Amino acid sequence: METEQEIIPKDDKIMRTAELSRNLKVAESTIRKYSLALEKHNYTFKKEPSNNNGRLYNAQDREILKDMLKLTENRQISIDVAAVSSLSRHQVEIKPSQQEAPRAPSVMEDERAEKFLERMQYLIKEETSNMQEDLKGYFKEYFKEEMRDVIEDAVEKRLEKERQQHIEEMRLLREQVSKVTEVMERREKKGFFKRLFGG
């Protein structure tokens, strides 16, 4: 029974396409497509002459392909850009192809590179703009909540202060009513005794 956990091969383990596709949990056609992208940049795989010159993958090949899969999944970049990025990140020295001699880039390649750079700049600008909008929205909500808390706190404090003032005013009022009542009771007693004893 296969486990969901990823199987990491030993450094010296060599795998065929089918085995690597099971290992990385992707289709064989995906492994072939990504391998072709690497070969476009003169990355070489070991070949198996007895099996239609099929590719053989070692631990380094696996790590580079795994990295490419992550890049294309999370960052939504092209396979070609992922290939260049992965080779660079894994510090792979790419040897020039033996079939074609080193040559100066053509005008078309320069134009393509320029267009690619323009596209990348546009995407970076767009992503930065989206991030700024997201941050604005986040801070707007954050400050709205903060302000609501500050206002609620200020209102509560004000209400508490007023409540204390009302309590104090009521206490003073009761004291005054009590004093007035005492004075009136004393006057009534005095008048009663005066009438009683005729004084």
C-alpha atoms as a PDB file:
ATOM      1  CA  MET A   1       0.000   0.000   0.000  1.00  0.00           C
ATOM      2  CA  GLU A   2       1.424   3.401  -1.064  1.00  0.00           C
ATOM      3  CA  THR A   3       1.648   6.138   1.544  1.00  0.00           C
ATOM      4  CA  GLU A   4       0.850   9.792   0.828  1.00  0.00           C
ATOM      5  CA  GLN A   5       4.318  10.770   2.070  1.00  0.00           C
ATOM      6  CA  GLU A   6       6.792  11.802  -0.636  1.00  0.00           C
ATOM      7  CA  ILE A   7       9.505   9.243  -1.376  1.00  0.00           C
ATOM      8  CA  ILE A   8      12.931  10.873  -1.512  1.00  0.00           C
ATOM      9  CA  PRO A   9      15.404   8.766  -3.477  1.00  0.00           C
ATOM     10  CA  LYS A  10      18.973   8.145  -2.349  1.00  0.00           C
ATOM     11  CA  ASP A  11      21.612  10.265  -4.085  1.00  0.00           C
ATOM     12  CA  ASP A  12      22.729   7.371  -6.297  1.00  0.00           C
ATOM     13  CA  LYS A  13      19.209   6.182  -7.241  1.00  0.00           C
ATOM     14  CA  ILE A  14      18.405   6.420 -10.945  1.00  0.00           C
ATOM     15  CA  MET A  15      14.760   6.582 -12.035  1.00  0.00           C
ATOM     16  CA  ARG A  16      12.907   6.280 -15.318  1.00  0.00           C
ATOM     17  CA  THR A  17      10.146   8.730 -16.322  1.00  0.00           C
ATOM     18  CA  ALA A  18       7.307   6.533 -14.999  1.00  0.00           C
ATOM     19  CA  GLU A  19       8.987   6.086 -11.621  1.00  0.00           C
ATOM     20  CA  LEU A  20       9.765   9.811 -11.272  1.00  0.00           C
ATOM     21  CA  SER A  21       6.193  10.742 -12.202  1.00  0.00           C
ATOM     22  CA  ARG A  22       4.885   8.503  -9.370  1.00  0.00           C
ATOM     23  CA  ASN A  23       7.517   9.927  -7.031  1.00  0.00           C
ATOM     24  CA  LEU A  24       6.559  13.549  -7.745  1.00  0.00           C
ATOM     25  CA  LYS A  25       2.820  12.716  -8.104  1.00  0.00           C
ATOM     26  CA  VAL A  26       2.492  14.210 -11.607  1.00  0.00           C
ATOM     27  CA  ALA A  27       1.741  12.777 -15.047  1.00  0.00           C
ATOM     28  CA  GLU A  28       4.539  11.281 -17.170  1.00  0.00           C
ATOM     29  CA  SER A  29       3.719  13.817 -19.903  1.00  0.00           C
ATOM     30  CA  THR A  30       4.433  16.635 -17.368  1.00  0.00           C
ATOM     31  CA  ILE A  31       7.865  15.143 -16.579  1.00  0.00           C
ATOM     32  CA  ARG A  32       8.642  14.935 -20.325  1.00  0.00           C
ATOM     33  CA  LYS A  33       7.445  18.511 -20.976  1.00  0.00           C
ATOM     34  CA  TYR A  34       9.523  19.940 -18.104  1.00  0.00           C
ATOM     35  CA  SER A  35      12.555  17.863 -19.133  1.00  0.00           C
ATOM     36  CA  LEU A  36      12.309  19.272 -22.681  1.00  0.00           C
ATOM     37  CA  ALA A  37      12.269  22.810 -21.251  1.00  0.00           C
ATOM     38  CA  LEU A  38      15.495  22.048 -19.360  1.00  0.00           C
ATOM     39  CA  GLU A  39      17.088  20.505 -22.453  1.00  0.00           C
ATOM     40  CA  LYS A  40      16.258  23.702 -24.383  1.00  0.00           C
ATOM     41  CA  HIS A  41      18.715  25.373 -22.014  1.00  0.00           C
ATOM     42  CA  ASN A  42      21.291  22.632 -22.742  1.00  0.00           C
ATOM     43  CA  TYR A  43      20.713  20.751 -19.508  1.00  0.00           C
ATOM     44  CA  THR A  44      21.552  17.081 -20.140  1.00  0.00           C
ATOM     45  CA  PHE A  45      19.996  13.929 -18.740  1.00  0.00           C
ATOM     46  CA  LYS A  46      21.530  10.455 -18.788  1.00  0.00           C
ATOM     47  CA  LYS A  47      19.998   8.333 -21.544  1.00  0.00           C
ATOM     48  CA  GLU A  48      19.137   4.646 -21.611  1.00  0.00           C
ATOM     49  CA  PRO A  49      20.201   3.315 -25.056  1.00  0.00           C
ATOM     50  CA  SER A  50      18.493  -0.041 -24.485  1.00  0.00           C
ATOM     51  CA  ASN A  51      15.127   1.690 -23.923  1.00  0.00           C
ATOM     52  CA  ASN A  52      14.623   4.022 -26.934  1.00  0.00           C
ATOM     53  CA  ASN A  53      17.128   6.500 -25.486  1.00  0.00           C
ATOM     54  CA  GLY A  54      14.694   7.235 -22.643  1.00  0.00           C
ATOM     55  CA  ARG A  55      15.801   9.732 -19.984  1.00  0.00           C
ATOM     56  CA  LEU A  56      17.216   8.522 -16.678  1.00  0.00           C
ATOM     57  CA  TYR A  57      16.811  10.840 -13.686  1.00  0.00           C
ATOM     58  CA  ASN A  58      19.170  11.168 -10.727  1.00  0.00           C
ATOM     59  CA  ALA A  59      18.552  12.956  -7.387  1.00  0.00           C
ATOM     60  CA  GLN A  60      19.664  16.361  -8.769  1.00  0.00           C
ATOM     61  CA  ASP A  61      17.355  16.056 -11.798  1.00  0.00           C
ATOM     62  CA  ARG A  62      14.483  15.245  -9.437  1.00  0.00           C
ATOM     63  CA  GLU A  63      15.162  18.303  -7.240  1.00  0.00           C
ATOM     64  CA  ILE A  64      15.335  20.647 -10.254  1.00  0.00           C
ATOM     65  CA  LEU A  65      12.068  19.266 -11.689  1.00  0.00           C
ATOM     66  CA  LYS A  66      10.398  19.431  -8.257  1.00  0.00           C
ATOM     67  CA  ASP A  67      11.487  23.080  -7.953  1.00  0.00           C
ATOM     68  CA  MET A  68      10.084  23.865 -11.426  1.00  0.00           C
ATOM     69  CA  LEU A  69       6.743  22.294 -10.479  1.00  0.00           C
ATOM     70  CA  LYS A  70       6.556  24.465  -7.359  1.00  0.00           C
ATOM     71  CA  LEU A  71       7.421  27.632  -9.304  1.00  0.00           C
ATOM     72  CA  THR A  72       4.814  27.079 -12.010  1.00  0.00           C
ATOM     73  CA  GLU A  73       2.137  26.139  -9.467  1.00  0.00           C
ATOM     74  CA  ASN A  74       2.584  28.951  -6.934  1.00  0.00           C
ATOM     75  CA  ARG A  75       3.854  31.855  -9.004  1.00  0.00           C
ATOM     76  CA  GLN A  76       1.968  31.167 -12.223  1.00  0.00           C
ATOM     77  CA  ILE A  77       5.072  31.639 -14.379  1.00  0.00           C
ATOM     78  CA  SER A  78       5.893  29.834 -17.623  1.00  0.00           C
ATOM     79  CA  ILE A  79       7.729  26.500 -17.717  1.00  0.00           C
ATOM     80  CA  ASP A  80      10.586  28.159 -19.623  1.00  0.00           C
ATOM     81  CA  VAL A  81      11.106  30.832 -16.943  1.00  0.00           C
ATOM     82  CA  ALA A  82      10.810  28.155 -14.240  1.00  0.00           C
ATOM     83  CA  ALA A  83      13.525  26.100 -16.002  1.00  0.00           C
ATOM     84  CA  VAL A  84      15.979  29.029 -16.076  1.00  0.00           C
ATOM     85  CA  SER A  85      15.147  29.968 -12.467  1.00  0.00           C
ATOM     86  CA  SER A  86      15.534  26.380 -11.173  1.00  0.00           C
ATOM     87  CA  LEU A  87      18.854  25.854 -12.971  1.00  0.00           C
ATOM     88  CA  SER A  88      20.100  29.124 -11.522  1.00  0.00           C
ATOM     89  CA  ARG A  89      18.872  28.319  -8.001  1.00  0.00           C
ATOM     90  CA  HIS A  90      20.546  24.900  -8.111  1.00  0.00           C
ATOM     91  CA  GLN A  91      23.735  26.524  -9.441  1.00  0.00           C
ATOM     92  CA  VAL A  92      23.894  24.192 -12.427  1.00  0.00           C
ATOM     93  CA  GLU A  93      26.645  25.004 -14.868  1.00  0.00           C
ATOM     94  CA  ILE A  94      25.076  24.660 -18.303  1.00  0.00           C
ATOM     95  CA  LYS A  95      27.501  23.413 -20.927  1.00  0.00           C
ATOM     96  CA  PRO A  96      27.012  24.672 -24.482  1.00  0.00           C
ATOM     97  CA  SER A  97      25.369  22.160 -26.790  1.00  0.00           C
ATOM     98  CA  GLN A  98      27.840  20.138 -28.824  1.00  0.00           C
ATOM     99  CA  GLN A  99      25.523  20.181 -31.814  1.00  0.00           C
ATOM    100  CA  GLU A 100      25.555  23.947 -32.200  1.00  0.00           C
ATOM    101  CA  ALA A 101      28.512  26.272 -31.847  1.00  0.00           C
ATOM    102  CA  PRO A 102      28.269  29.258 -29.541  1.00  0.00           C
ATOM    103  CA  ARG A 103      26.786  32.180 -31.416  1.00  0.00           C
ATOM    104  CA  ALA A 104      25.801  35.773 -30.827  1.00  0.00           C
ATOM    105  CA  PRO A 105      22.132  36.257 -30.007  1.00  0.00           C
ATOM    106  CA  SER A 106      20.064  37.150 -33.052  1.00  0.00           C
ATOM    107  CA  VAL A 107      17.976  40.305 -33.397  1.00  0.00           C
ATOM    108  CA  MET A 108      14.862  38.163 -32.920  1.00  0.00           C
ATOM    109  CA  GLU A 109      16.220  36.730 -29.668  1.00  0.00           C
ATOM    110  CA  ASP A 110      17.052  40.240 -28.472  1.00  0.00           C
ATOM    111  CA  GLU A 111      13.516  41.363 -29.312  1.00  0.00           C
ATOM    112  CA  ARG A 112      12.067  38.328 -27.531  1.00  0.00           C
ATOM    113  CA  ALA A 113      14.254  39.013 -24.484  1.00  0.00           C
ATOM    114  CA  GLU A 114      13.154  42.649 -24.513  1.00  0.00           C
ATOM    115  CA  LYS A 115       9.492  41.661 -24.782  1.00  0.00           C
ATOM    116  CA  PHE A 116       9.977  39.143 -21.989  1.00  0.00           C
ATOM    117  CA  LEU A 117      11.566  41.826 -19.774  1.00  0.00           C
ATOM    118  CA  GLU A 118       8.741  44.246 -20.591  1.00  0.00           C
ATOM    119  CA  ARG A 119       6.192  41.551 -19.724  1.00  0.00           C
ATOM    120  CA  MET A 120       7.990  40.775 -16.463  1.00  0.00           C
ATOM    121  CA  GLN A 121       8.129  44.497 -15.575  1.00  0.00           C
ATOM    122  CA  TYR A 122       4.426  44.836 -16.373  1.00  0.00           C
ATOM    123  CA  LEU A 123       3.572  41.791 -14.228  1.00  0.00           C
ATOM    124  CA  ILE A 124       5.741  43.060 -11.339  1.00  0.00           C
ATOM    125  CA  LYS A 125       4.097  46.515 -11.589  1.00  0.00           C
ATOM    126  CA  GLU A 126       0.628  44.938 -11.691  1.00  0.00           C
ATOM    127  CA  GLU A 127       1.426  42.653  -8.743  1.00  0.00           C
ATOM    128  CA  THR A 128       2.848  45.614  -6.762  1.00  0.00           C
ATOM    129  CA  SER A 129      -0.281  47.634  -7.544  1.00  0.00           C
ATOM    130  CA  ASN A 130      -2.522  44.730  -6.442  1.00  0.00           C
ATOM    131  CA  MET A 131      -0.515  44.349  -3.236  1.00  0.00           C
ATOM    132  CA  GLN A 132      -0.835  48.086  -2.535  1.00  0.00           C
ATOM    133  CA  GLU A 133      -4.606  47.908  -3.070  1.00  0.00           C
ATOM    134  CA  ASP A 134      -4.834  44.875  -0.784  1.00  0.00           C
ATOM    135  CA  LEU A 135      -2.770  46.668   1.863  1.00  0.00           C
ATOM    136  CA  LYS A 136      -4.916  49.811   1.559  1.00  0.00           C
ATOM    137  CA  GLY A 137      -8.027  47.719   2.057  1.00  0.00           C
ATOM    138  CA  TYR A 138      -6.453  45.892   4.989  1.00  0.00           C
ATOM    139  CA  PHE A 139      -5.284  49.095   6.714  1.00  0.00           C
ATOM    140  CA  LYS A 140      -8.619  50.790   6.014  1.00  0.00           C
ATOM    141  CA  GLU A 141     -10.438  47.945   7.764  1.00  0.00           C
ATOM    142  CA  TYR A 142      -7.809  47.816  10.516  1.00  0.00           C
ATOM    143  CA  PHE A 143      -8.020  51.559  11.239  1.00  0.00           C
ATOM    144  CA  LYS A 144     -11.822  51.487  10.994  1.00  0.00           C
ATOM    145  CA  GLU A 145     -11.872  48.849  13.744  1.00  0.00           C
ATOM    146  CA  GLU A 146      -9.212  50.720  15.738  1.00  0.00           C
ATOM    147  CA  MET A 147     -11.175  53.991  15.477  1.00  0.00           C
ATOM    148  CA  ARG A 148     -14.398  52.216  16.473  1.00  0.00           C
ATOM    149  CA  ASP A 149     -12.632  50.801  19.545  1.00  0.00           C
ATOM    150  CA  VAL A 150     -11.195  54.235  20.422  1.00  0.00           C
ATOM    151  CA  ILE A 151     -14.610  55.921  20.018  1.00  0.00           C
ATOM    152  CA  GLU A 152     -16.388  53.213  22.046  1.00  0.00           C
ATOM    153  CA  ASP A 153     -13.752  53.538  24.768  1.00  0.00           C
ATOM    154  CA  ALA A 154     -14.067  57.358  24.834  1.00  0.00           C
ATOM    155  CA  VAL A 155     -17.894  57.147  24.969  1.00  0.00           C
ATOM    156  CA  GLU A 156     -17.731  54.591  27.796  1.00  0.00           C
ATOM    157  CA  LYS A 157     -15.347  56.810  29.781  1.00  0.00           C
ATOM    158  CA  ARG A 158     -17.556  59.870  29.213  1.00  0.00           C
ATOM    159  CA  LEU A 159     -20.685  57.977  30.260  1.00  0.00           C
ATOM    160  CA  GLU A 160     -18.941  56.665  33.375  1.00  0.00           C
ATOM    161  CA  LYS A 161     -17.787  60.203  34.255  1.00  0.00           C
ATOM    162  CA  GLU A 162     -21.309  61.562  33.813  1.00  0.00           C
ATOM    163  CA  ARG A 163     -22.758  58.681  35.853  1.00  0.00           C
ATOM    164  CA  GLN A 164     -20.342  59.492  38.693  1.00  0.00           C
ATOM    165  CA  GLN A 165     -21.301  63.190  38.467  1.00  0.00           C
ATOM    166  CA  HIS A 166     -25.024  62.290  38.651  1.00  0.00           C
ATOM    167  CA  ILE A 167     -24.381  60.058  41.669  1.00  0.00           C
ATOM    168  CA  GLU A 168     -22.517  62.912  43.387  1.00  0.00           C
ATOM    169  CA  GLU A 169     -25.280  65.437  42.494  1.00  0.00           C
ATOM    170  CA  MET A 170     -27.949  63.052  43.857  1.00  0.00           C
ATOM    171  CA  ARG A 171     -25.968  62.608  47.075  1.00  0.00           C
ATOM    172  CA  LEU A 172     -25.684  66.403  47.542  1.00  0.00           C
ATOM    173  CA  LEU A 173     -29.383  66.828  46.722  1.00  0.00           C
ATOM    174  CA  ARG A 174     -30.333  64.172  49.315  1.00  0.00           C
ATOM    175  CA  GLU A 175     -28.146  65.919  51.896  1.00  0.00           C
ATOM    176  CA  GLN A 176     -29.862  69.278  51.171  1.00  0.00           C
ATOM    177  CA  VAL A 177     -33.340  67.692  51.282  1.00  0.00           C
ATOM    178  CA  SER A 178     -32.405  66.032  54.593  1.00  0.00           C
ATOM    179  CA  LYS A 179     -31.214  69.376  56.056  1.00  0.00           C
ATOM    180  CA  VAL A 180     -34.352  71.223  54.863  1.00  0.00           C
ATOM    181  CA  THR A 181     -36.540  68.425  56.325  1.00  0.00           C
ATOM    182  CA  GLU A 182     -34.711  68.690  59.680  1.00  0.00           C
ATOM    183  CA  VAL A 183     -35.167  72.481  59.792  1.00  0.00           C
ATOM    184  CA  MET A 184     -38.872  72.186  58.957  1.00  0.00           C
ATOM    185  CA  GLU A 185     -39.417  69.447  61.554  1.00  0.00           C
ATOM    186  CA  ARG A 186     -37.711  71.595  64.199  1.00  0.00           C
ATOM    187  CA  ARG A 187     -39.902  74.582  63.320  1.00  0.00           C
ATOM    188  CA  GLU A 188     -43.039  72.478  63.447  1.00  0.00           C
ATOM    189  CA  LYS A 189     -42.082  71.110  66.903  1.00  0.00           C
ATOM    190  CA  LYS A 190     -41.289  74.594  68.150  1.00  0.00           C
ATOM    191  CA  GLY A 191     -44.661  75.932  66.891  1.00  0.00           C
ATOM    192  CA  PHE A 192     -46.504  72.958  68.415  1.00  0.00           C
ATOM    193  CA  PHE A 193     -44.957  73.481  71.888  1.00  0.00           C
ATOM    194  CA  LYS A 194     -45.562  77.224  71.644  1.00  0.00           C
ATOM    195  CA  ARG A 195     -49.240  76.646  70.952  1.00  0.00           C
ATOM    196  CA  LEU A 196     -49.433  73.941  73.614  1.00  0.00           C
ATOM    197  CA  PHE A 197     -47.895  75.969  76.433  1.00  0.00           C
ATOM    198  CA  GLY A 198     -49.058  79.320  75.177  1.00  0.00           C
ATOM    199  CA  GLY A 199     -45.640  80.784  75.045  1.00  0.00           C
END
